[in-house]
Amino acid sequence: MTRDLLRRRLNSAWITVLLALFGFVALYPVYFVIVSSLKSRREYVSNIFGLPQAPSLVNYAEVFDRFNLWKALFNSLVTTAGGVVLCVVLALVLAYAVTKMRLPFRNFIFVFVIGTLVLPVQTILFPLYQTLIDLRFVGQYWGLMIAYATFGLPLSVYLLAAYFKGIPDELLDAARVDGATHGQIVARLMVPLAMPAVATVAVIDTLHFFNDLLLPLLILPSSRRTTLMVHIMLFRGQNDLSVPLLSAGLFIAMLPVLIAYLVGQKQLIKGLTAGAVK
């Protein structure tokens, strides 16, 4: 009995150590960026890892004045919001169709959509880019929104479908008897019942889209429409930036994503666990 108790405590101690190590590895870059952004260049050179002796917001003011981040931030917010809305709406329709509608080949459609998760990005990127060129969407916000929705759709459909399967069909049958259309069922019944899953999809898509570098670099080549991540990368390559100045830009880019995660944290956890419980 004592040996079993000792083994459990050792296992618990190892798990605690591993979680603490993982937390340190995950949080230290955030700490480094925040602390470095509050230092002057001279203080950073003399005190790289320590706390700032005289914290200052000068780097943030210089980043906005020197690099015109407001426009890049606006571009990121517009394309991310549009991509998330488009992706969530399409995912709701597809997830409802493959789980609650009596469609022929609905299992094949579901497997086909989910199967794109395992395909190399290049196999989807080239035909998508060529299609956007043909539609004259390259260089337009809509082009990037469509690209975001294309790459975010498989995982979004998978998460929503897992949740939809736990909603009783009797509720939908009752709604149909009352004369509800498929659109009304999705908007007034499925979305409220599956709000944790919808919020989860929205948060995950926001994190992916806002932080993406490849698609904005490819689809929005104009300097007037670069997103925040691309803007910071380009200026980092074209200018001799100090680490404190670059850290200020990175923290500004990190802030909207952090806010989105904190706002949707409870729904995110609930949505990720609800499908398994159901």
Protein backbone atom coordinates (compact mmCIF):
# COMPACT_ATOMS: atom_id res chain seq x y z
CA MET A 1 0.00 0.00 0.00
CA THR A 2 2.82 2.36 0.93
CA ARG A 3 4.66 1.48 -2.25
CA ASP A 4 1.58 2.27 -4.36
CA LEU A 5 1.17 5.60 -2.58
CA LEU A 6 4.84 6.44 -3.16
CA ARG A 7 4.53 5.53 -6.84
CA ARG A 8 1.48 7.77 -7.24
CA ARG A 9 3.26 10.67 -5.56
CA LEU A 10 6.31 10.22 -7.77
CA ASN A 11 4.11 10.14 -10.86
CA SER A 12 2.31 13.26 -9.67
CA ALA A 13 5.64 14.99 -9.03
CA TRP A 14 6.92 14.14 -12.51
CA ILE A 15 3.71 15.42 -14.09
CA THR A 16 3.98 18.64 -12.08
CA VAL A 17 7.59 19.14 -13.16
CA LEU A 18 6.75 18.50 -16.82
CA LEU A 19 3.78 20.88 -16.72
CA ALA A 20 5.90 23.55 -15.04
CA LEU A 21 8.60 23.09 -17.69
CA PHE A 22 6.04 23.29 -20.48
CA GLY A 23 4.52 26.42 -18.93
CA PHE A 24 7.95 28.05 -18.69
CA VAL A 25 8.78 27.24 -22.33
CA ALA A 26 5.40 28.58 -23.47
CA LEU A 27 5.34 31.75 -21.35
CA TYR A 28 8.98 32.83 -21.40
CA PRO A 29 8.87 34.22 -24.99
CA VAL A 30 5.86 36.33 -24.00
CA TYR A 31 7.70 37.58 -20.92
CA PHE A 32 10.80 38.35 -22.97
CA VAL A 33 8.84 40.33 -25.57
CA ILE A 34 6.95 42.39 -22.98
CA VAL A 35 10.01 43.12 -20.84
CA SER A 36 12.25 43.93 -23.82
CA SER A 37 9.66 46.30 -25.29
CA LEU A 38 9.85 48.45 -22.15
CA LYS A 39 13.63 48.91 -22.32
CA SER A 40 15.75 51.38 -24.22
CA ARG A 41 18.35 50.03 -26.61
CA ARG A 42 21.16 50.88 -24.20
CA GLU A 43 19.45 49.21 -21.24
CA TYR A 44 18.67 46.12 -23.30
CA VAL A 45 22.36 45.68 -24.19
CA SER A 46 23.42 45.94 -20.55
CA ASN A 47 20.46 44.01 -19.09
CA ILE A 48 19.10 41.50 -21.59
CA PHE A 49 17.13 39.15 -19.36
CA GLY A 50 16.34 41.27 -16.30
CA LEU A 51 13.39 43.53 -15.58
CA PRO A 52 13.58 47.09 -16.94
CA GLN A 53 15.03 49.61 -14.51
CA ALA A 54 13.15 52.52 -16.07
CA PRO A 55 10.12 51.15 -18.00
CA SER A 56 9.11 53.30 -20.95
CA LEU A 57 6.51 53.23 -23.74
CA VAL A 58 8.77 55.11 -26.15
CA ASN A 59 9.25 52.00 -28.31
CA TYR A 60 5.49 51.66 -28.85
CA ALA A 61 5.14 55.29 -29.91
CA GLU A 62 8.10 54.95 -32.28
CA VAL A 63 6.71 51.75 -33.81
CA PHE A 64 3.43 53.45 -34.72
CA ASP A 65 5.08 56.67 -35.92
CA ARG A 66 7.84 55.02 -37.90
CA PHE A 67 6.15 51.97 -39.40
CA ASN A 68 2.51 53.03 -39.89
CA LEU A 69 1.17 50.02 -37.99
CA TRP A 70 -2.36 51.42 -37.79
CA LYS A 71 -3.05 50.59 -41.45
CA ALA A 72 -1.50 47.13 -41.15
CA LEU A 73 -3.49 46.46 -37.97
CA PHE A 74 -6.67 47.57 -39.74
CA ASN A 75 -5.92 45.22 -42.64
CA SER A 76 -5.38 42.31 -40.25
CA LEU A 77 -8.58 42.97 -38.32
CA VAL A 78 -10.69 43.30 -41.48
CA THR A 79 -9.36 40.17 -43.19
CA THR A 80 -9.39 38.10 -40.00
CA ALA A 81 -12.94 39.10 -39.07
CA GLY A 82 -14.19 38.50 -42.61
CA GLY A 83 -12.41 35.16 -42.86
CA VAL A 84 -13.78 34.00 -39.51
CA VAL A 85 -17.36 34.97 -40.36
CA LEU A 86 -17.17 33.32 -43.79
CA CYS A 87 -15.55 30.17 -42.40
CA VAL A 88 -18.02 29.81 -39.50
CA VAL A 89 -21.07 30.32 -41.73
CA LEU A 90 -19.87 27.77 -44.31
CA ALA A 91 -18.88 25.32 -41.57
CA LEU A 92 -22.31 25.60 -39.94
CA VAL A 93 -24.05 24.83 -43.23
CA LEU A 94 -21.75 21.90 -44.06
CA ALA A 95 -21.82 20.43 -40.56
CA TYR A 96 -25.62 20.61 -40.50
CA ALA A 97 -25.87 19.05 -43.95
CA VAL A 98 -23.64 16.05 -43.16
CA THR A 99 -25.12 15.35 -39.72
CA LYS A 100 -28.81 16.30 -39.82
CA MET A 101 -29.93 16.24 -43.45
CA ARG A 102 -30.81 13.04 -45.30
CA LEU A 103 -28.44 13.59 -48.19
CA PRO A 104 -27.04 10.92 -50.50
CA PHE A 105 -23.29 10.45 -50.06
CA ARG A 106 -23.25 12.68 -46.97
CA ASN A 107 -20.62 10.46 -45.33
CA PHE A 108 -18.47 10.74 -48.45
CA ILE A 109 -18.83 14.53 -48.43
CA PHE A 110 -17.81 14.65 -44.77
CA VAL A 111 -14.78 12.41 -45.31
CA PHE A 112 -13.80 14.39 -48.41
CA VAL A 113 -13.87 17.71 -46.53
CA ILE A 114 -12.06 16.36 -43.47
CA GLY A 115 -9.56 14.51 -45.66
CA THR A 116 -8.11 17.80 -46.88
CA LEU A 117 -6.56 18.20 -43.41
CA VAL A 118 -3.91 15.62 -44.28
CA LEU A 119 -3.09 17.06 -47.71
CA PRO A 120 0.09 19.10 -48.15
CA VAL A 121 -0.59 22.83 -48.23
CA GLN A 122 0.93 23.12 -51.71
CA THR A 123 -1.69 20.83 -53.26
CA ILE A 124 -4.43 23.26 -52.23
CA LEU A 125 -2.51 26.52 -52.45
CA PHE A 126 -1.71 26.49 -56.18
CA PRO A 127 -5.24 25.80 -57.52
CA LEU A 128 -6.69 28.19 -54.93
CA TYR A 129 -4.28 30.95 -55.95
CA GLN A 130 -5.00 30.38 -59.65
CA THR A 131 -8.74 30.54 -58.97
CA LEU A 132 -8.34 33.81 -57.09
CA ILE A 133 -6.33 35.21 -60.02
CA ASP A 134 -9.09 34.21 -62.46
CA LEU A 135 -11.69 35.87 -60.21
CA ARG A 136 -9.44 38.96 -59.89
CA PHE A 137 -9.46 38.62 -56.11
CA VAL A 138 -5.68 38.72 -55.70
CA GLY A 139 -4.80 42.03 -54.06
CA GLN A 140 -8.32 42.31 -52.60
CA TYR A 141 -9.51 41.72 -49.04
CA TRP A 142 -12.07 39.23 -50.32
CA GLY A 143 -9.35 37.07 -51.82
CA LEU A 144 -7.62 36.63 -48.47
CA MET A 145 -10.92 36.02 -46.68
CA ILE A 146 -11.77 33.24 -49.12
CA ALA A 147 -8.31 31.72 -48.71
CA TYR A 148 -8.64 31.82 -44.92
CA ALA A 149 -12.05 30.15 -45.08
CA THR A 150 -10.73 27.48 -47.44
CA PHE A 151 -7.95 26.42 -45.09
CA GLY A 152 -10.01 26.83 -41.91
CA LEU A 153 -13.08 24.96 -43.14
CA PRO A 154 -12.04 21.29 -42.60
CA LEU A 155 -11.23 21.63 -38.89
CA SER A 156 -14.23 23.90 -38.33
CA VAL A 157 -16.60 21.38 -39.95
CA TYR A 158 -15.07 18.56 -37.91
CA LEU A 159 -15.57 20.36 -34.58
CA LEU A 160 -19.11 21.52 -35.37
CA ALA A 161 -20.17 18.12 -36.73
CA ALA A 162 -18.93 16.41 -33.56
CA TYR A 163 -21.13 18.74 -31.51
CA PHE A 164 -24.15 18.57 -33.84
CA LYS A 165 -24.24 14.78 -33.54
CA GLY A 166 -25.06 15.17 -29.85
CA ILE A 167 -28.16 17.29 -30.54
CA PRO A 168 -31.30 15.07 -30.57
CA ASP A 169 -32.98 14.69 -33.96
CA GLU A 170 -36.37 14.97 -32.23
CA LEU A 171 -35.78 18.70 -31.71
CA LEU A 172 -35.22 19.18 -35.42
CA ASP A 173 -38.25 17.05 -36.32
CA ALA A 174 -40.41 19.20 -34.04
CA ALA A 175 -39.09 22.34 -35.70
CA ARG A 176 -39.85 20.93 -39.15
CA VAL A 177 -43.40 20.07 -38.07
CA ASP A 178 -43.81 23.71 -37.06
CA GLY A 179 -42.80 24.73 -40.58
CA ALA A 180 -39.20 25.79 -39.98
CA THR A 181 -36.89 25.79 -42.99
CA HIS A 182 -33.34 24.47 -42.91
CA GLY A 183 -31.99 28.00 -42.64
CA GLN A 184 -34.26 28.78 -39.69
CA ILE A 185 -33.29 25.53 -37.98
CA VAL A 186 -29.59 26.33 -38.29
CA ALA A 187 -29.94 29.98 -37.22
CA ARG A 188 -32.53 29.63 -34.44
CA LEU A 189 -31.93 26.11 -33.12
CA MET A 190 -28.52 24.70 -33.98
CA VAL A 191 -26.46 27.85 -33.38
CA PRO A 192 -27.86 28.60 -29.88
CA LEU A 193 -27.55 24.96 -28.82
CA ALA A 194 -24.03 24.65 -30.24
CA MET A 195 -22.76 28.06 -29.13
CA PRO A 196 -19.75 26.57 -27.24
CA ALA A 197 -18.64 24.80 -30.42
CA VAL A 198 -19.30 27.88 -32.57
CA ALA A 199 -17.26 30.03 -30.18
CA THR A 200 -14.49 27.44 -30.20
CA VAL A 201 -14.32 27.47 -33.98
CA ALA A 202 -14.35 31.28 -34.04
CA VAL A 203 -11.50 31.56 -31.52
CA ILE A 204 -9.34 28.91 -33.22
CA ASP A 205 -9.89 30.50 -36.63
CA THR A 206 -9.07 33.94 -35.24
CA LEU A 207 -5.79 32.69 -33.80
CA HIS A 208 -4.79 30.99 -37.05
CA PHE A 209 -5.87 33.73 -39.45
CA PHE A 210 -4.44 36.69 -37.55
CA ASN A 211 -1.05 35.00 -37.10
CA ASP A 212 -0.81 33.69 -40.66
CA LEU A 213 2.09 34.89 -42.77
CA LEU A 214 2.03 32.86 -46.00
CA LEU A 215 -1.45 33.65 -47.35
CA PRO A 216 -1.33 37.45 -46.82
CA LEU A 217 2.16 37.57 -48.32
CA LEU A 218 0.90 35.73 -51.41
CA ILE A 219 -2.57 37.19 -51.91
CA LEU A 220 -2.08 40.80 -50.76
CA PRO A 221 1.20 41.85 -52.40
CA SER A 222 0.38 45.56 -52.26
CA SER A 223 2.19 47.44 -49.50
CA ARG A 224 -1.03 49.33 -48.74
CA ARG A 225 -2.83 46.11 -47.80
CA THR A 226 -0.19 44.14 -45.95
CA THR A 227 -1.34 42.54 -42.71
CA LEU A 228 0.36 43.22 -39.41
CA MET A 229 2.52 40.09 -39.38
CA VAL A 230 3.74 40.68 -42.94
CA HIS A 231 4.32 44.36 -42.20
CA ILE A 232 6.53 43.60 -39.21
CA MET A 233 8.45 40.94 -41.14
CA LEU A 234 9.10 43.26 -44.09
CA PHE A 235 10.31 46.11 -41.93
CA ARG A 236 12.46 43.73 -39.92
CA GLY A 237 14.20 42.71 -43.13
CA GLN A 238 14.51 46.22 -44.57
CA ASN A 239 15.59 48.09 -41.45
CA ASP A 240 18.14 47.67 -38.70
CA LEU A 241 15.65 47.35 -35.85
CA SER A 242 16.66 47.12 -32.23
CA VAL A 243 15.28 44.22 -30.21
CA PRO A 244 13.21 46.54 -27.95
CA LEU A 245 11.61 48.17 -30.99
CA LEU A 246 10.90 44.83 -32.63
CA SER A 247 9.52 43.49 -29.33
CA ALA A 248 7.09 46.41 -29.15
CA GLY A 249 5.82 45.58 -32.64
CA LEU A 250 5.49 41.90 -31.77
CA PHE A 251 3.55 42.65 -28.60
CA ILE A 252 1.16 44.89 -30.53
CA ALA A 253 0.64 42.02 -32.98
CA MET A 254 0.15 39.61 -30.09
CA LEU A 255 -2.40 41.73 -28.22
CA PRO A 256 -5.53 41.20 -30.41
CA VAL A 257 -4.99 37.44 -30.43
CA LEU A 258 -4.49 37.41 -26.66
CA ILE A 259 -7.68 39.40 -26.14
CA ALA A 260 -9.63 37.05 -28.44
CA TYR A 261 -8.38 34.04 -26.49
CA LEU A 262 -9.16 35.56 -23.07
CA VAL A 263 -12.66 36.58 -24.17
CA GLY A 264 -13.47 33.14 -25.60
CA GLN A 265 -11.47 31.03 -23.14
CA LYS A 266 -14.42 29.50 -21.28
CA GLN A 267 -16.34 28.76 -24.46
CA LEU A 268 -13.19 27.35 -26.04
CA ILE A 269 -12.62 24.85 -23.23
CA LYS A 270 -16.31 23.97 -23.08
CA GLY A 271 -16.49 23.46 -26.85
CA LEU A 272 -13.38 21.28 -27.00
CA THR A 273 -14.63 18.99 -24.21
CA ALA A 274 -18.34 18.92 -25.05
CA GLY A 275 -17.96 16.77 -28.16
CA ALA A 276 -16.08 14.11 -26.23
CA VAL A 277 -18.60 14.12 -23.38
CA LYS A 278 -21.57 13.86 -25.68
